[in-house]
C-alpha cells in the first residue's frame, strides 16, 4: 500500500539479517536517511536500541497496536501518510511518533541524557 502511494519501501530482511539487533542496524537506517516503521513498542524500554535510534538521528513511526495483520498495518500506515509527511517536513530527526490503527500520529517526547539514556 505504501508503494502505491509513491513511497520507496525497503524491507528489513532485504538489507539486514533477520536476527539483526536494532542497535546494530539503526545506525545504517540513520545514515541512509530512511524513515523507520515498526510495530515494536518495546523499543521504549530497551535503552541500547533507544540510544542507537537517537544517536543515528532516526525518524521512527511505531504502530501502537502490535496485534494487527500485515494488511491492517499497511492500512494504518497508509491512513497516517498525510500526518507522517507533515511531521517529516516540519521536524528533523531524531524523533519517535506513534501511529494508531486509525492513522492518527502522535509525536512522543523522549529526552536523552548525556549518557544516551532516556529520562
C-alpha atoms as a PDB file:
ATOM      1  CA  UNK A   1       0.000   0.000   0.000  1.00  0.00           C
ATOM      2  CA  UNK A   2       2.847   2.404   0.763  1.00  0.00           C
ATOM      3  CA  UNK A   3       4.392   1.757  -2.641  1.00  0.00           C
ATOM      4  CA  UNK A   4       1.012   2.532  -4.218  1.00  0.00           C
ATOM      5  CA  UNK A   5       1.272   5.987  -2.613  1.00  0.00           C
ATOM      6  CA  UNK A   6       4.630   6.552  -4.310  1.00  0.00           C
ATOM      7  CA  UNK A   7       6.919   5.656  -1.421  1.00  0.00           C
ATOM      8  CA  UNK A   8      10.087   3.648  -1.783  1.00  0.00           C
ATOM      9  CA  UNK A   9       9.890   0.812   0.721  1.00  0.00           C
ATOM     10  CA  UNK A  10      12.906  -1.100   1.993  1.00  0.00           C
ATOM     11  CA  UNK A  11      12.103  -4.377   3.739  1.00  0.00           C
ATOM     12  CA  UNK A  12      14.288  -5.249   6.735  1.00  0.00           C
ATOM     13  CA  UNK A  13      15.146  -8.764   5.557  1.00  0.00           C
ATOM     14  CA  UNK A  14      16.303  -7.427   2.174  1.00  0.00           C
ATOM     15  CA  UNK A  15      19.044  -5.324   3.800  1.00  0.00           C
ATOM     16  CA  UNK A  16      19.832  -6.843   7.189  1.00  0.00           C
ATOM     17  CA  UNK A  17      19.961 -10.311   8.725  1.00  0.00           C
ATOM     18  CA  UNK A  18      16.582 -11.424  10.068  1.00  0.00           C
ATOM     19  CA  UNK A  19      18.038 -11.679  13.575  1.00  0.00           C
ATOM     20  CA  UNK A  20      19.906  -8.340  13.430  1.00  0.00           C
ATOM     21  CA  UNK A  21      19.640  -6.329  16.614  1.00  0.00           C
ATOM     22  CA  UNK A  22      18.026  -2.898  16.399  1.00  0.00           C
ATOM     23  CA  UNK A  23      21.162  -1.352  17.897  1.00  0.00           C
ATOM     24  CA  UNK A  24      23.194  -2.821  15.012  1.00  0.00           C
ATOM     25  CA  UNK A  25      21.034  -1.761  12.063  1.00  0.00           C
ATOM     26  CA  UNK A  26      19.558   1.550  13.271  1.00  0.00           C
ATOM     27  CA  UNK A  27      22.816   3.447  12.624  1.00  0.00           C
ATOM     28  CA  UNK A  28      22.593   2.314   8.982  1.00  0.00           C
ATOM     29  CA  UNK A  29      18.954   3.413   8.804  1.00  0.00           C
ATOM     30  CA  UNK A  30      20.005   6.857  10.034  1.00  0.00           C
ATOM     31  CA  UNK A  31      22.971   7.118   7.639  1.00  0.00           C
ATOM     32  CA  UNK A  32      20.733   6.235   4.711  1.00  0.00           C
ATOM     33  CA  UNK A  33      18.152   8.814   5.749  1.00  0.00           C
ATOM     34  CA  UNK A  34      15.433   6.188   5.878  1.00  0.00           C
ATOM     35  CA  UNK A  35      12.267   6.508   7.932  1.00  0.00           C
ATOM     36  CA  UNK A  36      11.881   3.590  10.343  1.00  0.00           C
ATOM     37  CA  UNK A  37       8.426   1.980  10.527  1.00  0.00           C
ATOM     38  CA  UNK A  38       7.916  -0.647  13.213  1.00  0.00           C
ATOM     39  CA  UNK A  39       5.360  -2.297  15.445  1.00  0.00           C
ATOM     40  CA  UNK A  40       7.917  -2.859  18.226  1.00  0.00           C
ATOM     41  CA  UNK A  41       6.512  -0.844  21.138  1.00  0.00           C
ATOM     42  CA  UNK A  42       9.165  -2.266  23.476  1.00  0.00           C
ATOM     43  CA  UNK A  43      11.857  -0.030  21.974  1.00  0.00           C
ATOM     44  CA  UNK A  44      10.928   2.492  24.677  1.00  0.00           C
ATOM     45  CA  UNK A  45      12.080   0.009  27.313  1.00  0.00           C
ATOM     46  CA  UNK A  46      15.366  -1.044  25.719  1.00  0.00           C
ATOM     47  CA  UNK A  47      17.931   1.640  26.373  1.00  0.00           C
ATOM     48  CA  UNK A  48      20.523   0.294  23.925  1.00  0.00           C
ATOM     49  CA  UNK A  49      18.109   0.430  20.971  1.00  0.00           C
ATOM     50  CA  UNK A  50      16.659   3.768  22.010  1.00  0.00           C
ATOM     51  CA  UNK A  51      20.140   5.265  22.316  1.00  0.00           C
ATOM     52  CA  UNK A  52      21.108   3.876  18.875  1.00  0.00           C
ATOM     53  CA  UNK A  53      17.980   5.381  17.343  1.00  0.00           C
ATOM     54  CA  UNK A  54      18.718   8.756  18.925  1.00  0.00           C
ATOM     55  CA  UNK A  55      22.418   8.785  18.056  1.00  0.00           C
ATOM     56  CA  UNK A  56      21.664   7.903  14.413  1.00  0.00           C
ATOM     57  CA  UNK A  57      19.014  10.670  14.232  1.00  0.00           C
ATOM     58  CA  UNK A  58      16.416   8.173  13.040  1.00  0.00           C
ATOM     59  CA  UNK A  59      12.869   9.304  12.331  1.00  0.00           C
ATOM     60  CA  UNK A  60      10.677   6.489  13.646  1.00  0.00           C
ATOM     61  CA  UNK A  61       6.978   5.727  13.488  1.00  0.00           C
ATOM     62  CA  UNK A  62       5.775   2.993  15.820  1.00  0.00           C
ATOM     63  CA  UNK A  63       2.459   1.301  15.262  1.00  0.00           C
ATOM     64  CA  UNK A  64       0.593   1.500  18.528  1.00  0.00           C
ATOM     65  CA  UNK A  65      -1.238  -1.808  18.164  1.00  0.00           C
ATOM     66  CA  UNK A  66       1.181  -4.638  17.503  1.00  0.00           C
ATOM     67  CA  UNK A  67      -1.531  -7.292  17.097  1.00  0.00           C
ATOM     68  CA  UNK A  68      -2.599  -6.349  13.586  1.00  0.00           C
ATOM     69  CA  UNK A  69      -2.345  -8.369  10.405  1.00  0.00           C
ATOM     70  CA  UNK A  70       0.044  -7.207   7.695  1.00  0.00           C
ATOM     71  CA  UNK A  71      -2.884  -5.766   5.736  1.00  0.00           C
ATOM     72  CA  UNK A  72      -4.173  -3.895   8.814  1.00  0.00           C
ATOM     73  CA  UNK A  73      -0.695  -2.499   9.495  1.00  0.00           C
ATOM     74  CA  UNK A  74      -0.360  -1.318   5.896  1.00  0.00           C
ATOM     75  CA  UNK A  75      -3.812   0.261   6.123  1.00  0.00           C
ATOM     76  CA  UNK A  76      -2.923   2.099   9.350  1.00  0.00           C
ATOM     77  CA  UNK A  77       0.337   3.437   7.899  1.00  0.00           C
ATOM     78  CA  UNK A  78      -1.442   4.394   4.654  1.00  0.00           C
ATOM     79  CA  UNK A  79      -4.062   6.371   6.579  1.00  0.00           C
ATOM     80  CA  UNK A  80      -1.251   8.058   8.517  1.00  0.00           C
ATOM     81  CA  UNK A  81       0.677   9.205   5.423  1.00  0.00           C
ATOM     82  CA  UNK A  82      -0.547  12.836   5.431  1.00  0.00           C
ATOM     83  CA  UNK A  83       0.248  13.311   9.135  1.00  0.00           C
ATOM     84  CA  UNK A  84       3.551  11.452   8.822  1.00  0.00           C
ATOM     85  CA  UNK A  85       4.541  13.600   5.846  1.00  0.00           C
ATOM     86  CA  UNK A  86       3.728  16.804   7.743  1.00  0.00           C
ATOM     87  CA  UNK A  87       5.871  15.654  10.655  1.00  0.00           C
ATOM     88  CA  UNK A  88       8.736  14.638   8.371  1.00  0.00           C
ATOM     89  CA  UNK A  89       8.609  18.036   6.640  1.00  0.00           C
ATOM     90  CA  UNK A  90       8.488  20.020   9.879  1.00  0.00           C
ATOM     91  CA  UNK A  91      10.940  18.154  12.086  1.00  0.00           C
ATOM     92  CA  UNK A  92      14.416  16.719  11.688  1.00  0.00           C
ATOM     93  CA  UNK A  93      15.405  13.521  13.427  1.00  0.00           C
ATOM     94  CA  UNK A  94      15.675  12.024  15.794  1.00  0.00           C
ATOM     95  CA  UNK A  95      12.088  11.548  16.782  1.00  0.00           C
ATOM     96  CA  UNK A  96       9.600   8.834  17.590  1.00  0.00           C
ATOM     97  CA  UNK A  97       5.912   9.082  16.777  1.00  0.00           C
ATOM     98  CA  UNK A  98       3.097   6.655  17.443  1.00  0.00           C
ATOM     99  CA  UNK A  99       0.676   5.637  14.715  1.00  0.00           C
ATOM    100  CA  UNK A 100      -2.771   4.333  15.674  1.00  0.00           C
ATOM    101  CA  UNK A 101      -4.762   1.820  13.679  1.00  0.00           C
ATOM    102  CA  UNK A 102      -6.970   4.726  12.528  1.00  0.00           C
ATOM    103  CA  UNK A 103      -3.951   6.594  11.138  1.00  0.00           C
ATOM    104  CA  UNK A 104      -3.590   9.213  13.864  1.00  0.00           C
ATOM    105  CA  UNK A 105       0.017  10.267  14.522  1.00  0.00           C
ATOM    106  CA  UNK A 106       1.304  11.425  17.908  1.00  0.00           C
ATOM    107  CA  UNK A 107       4.846  12.706  18.464  1.00  0.00           C
ATOM    108  CA  UNK A 108       6.419  11.149  21.565  1.00  0.00           C
ATOM    109  CA  UNK A 109       8.712  13.350  23.585  1.00  0.00           C
ATOM    110  CA  UNK A 110      11.805  11.390  24.580  1.00  0.00           C
ATOM    111  CA  UNK A 111      14.607  13.165  26.371  1.00  0.00           C
ATOM    112  CA  UNK A 112      18.046  11.577  26.193  1.00  0.00           C
ATOM    113  CA  UNK A 113      20.660  12.436  28.805  1.00  0.00           C
ATOM    114  CA  UNK A 114      24.372  12.809  28.132  1.00  0.00           C
ATOM    115  CA  UNK A 115      24.920   9.066  28.638  1.00  0.00           C
ATOM    116  CA  UNK A 116      22.406   8.139  25.945  1.00  0.00           C
ATOM    117  CA  UNK A 117      19.675   7.100  28.348  1.00  0.00           C
ATOM    118  CA  UNK A 118      16.058   8.218  28.193  1.00  0.00           C
ATOM    119  CA  UNK A 119      14.771  10.284  31.065  1.00  0.00           C
END
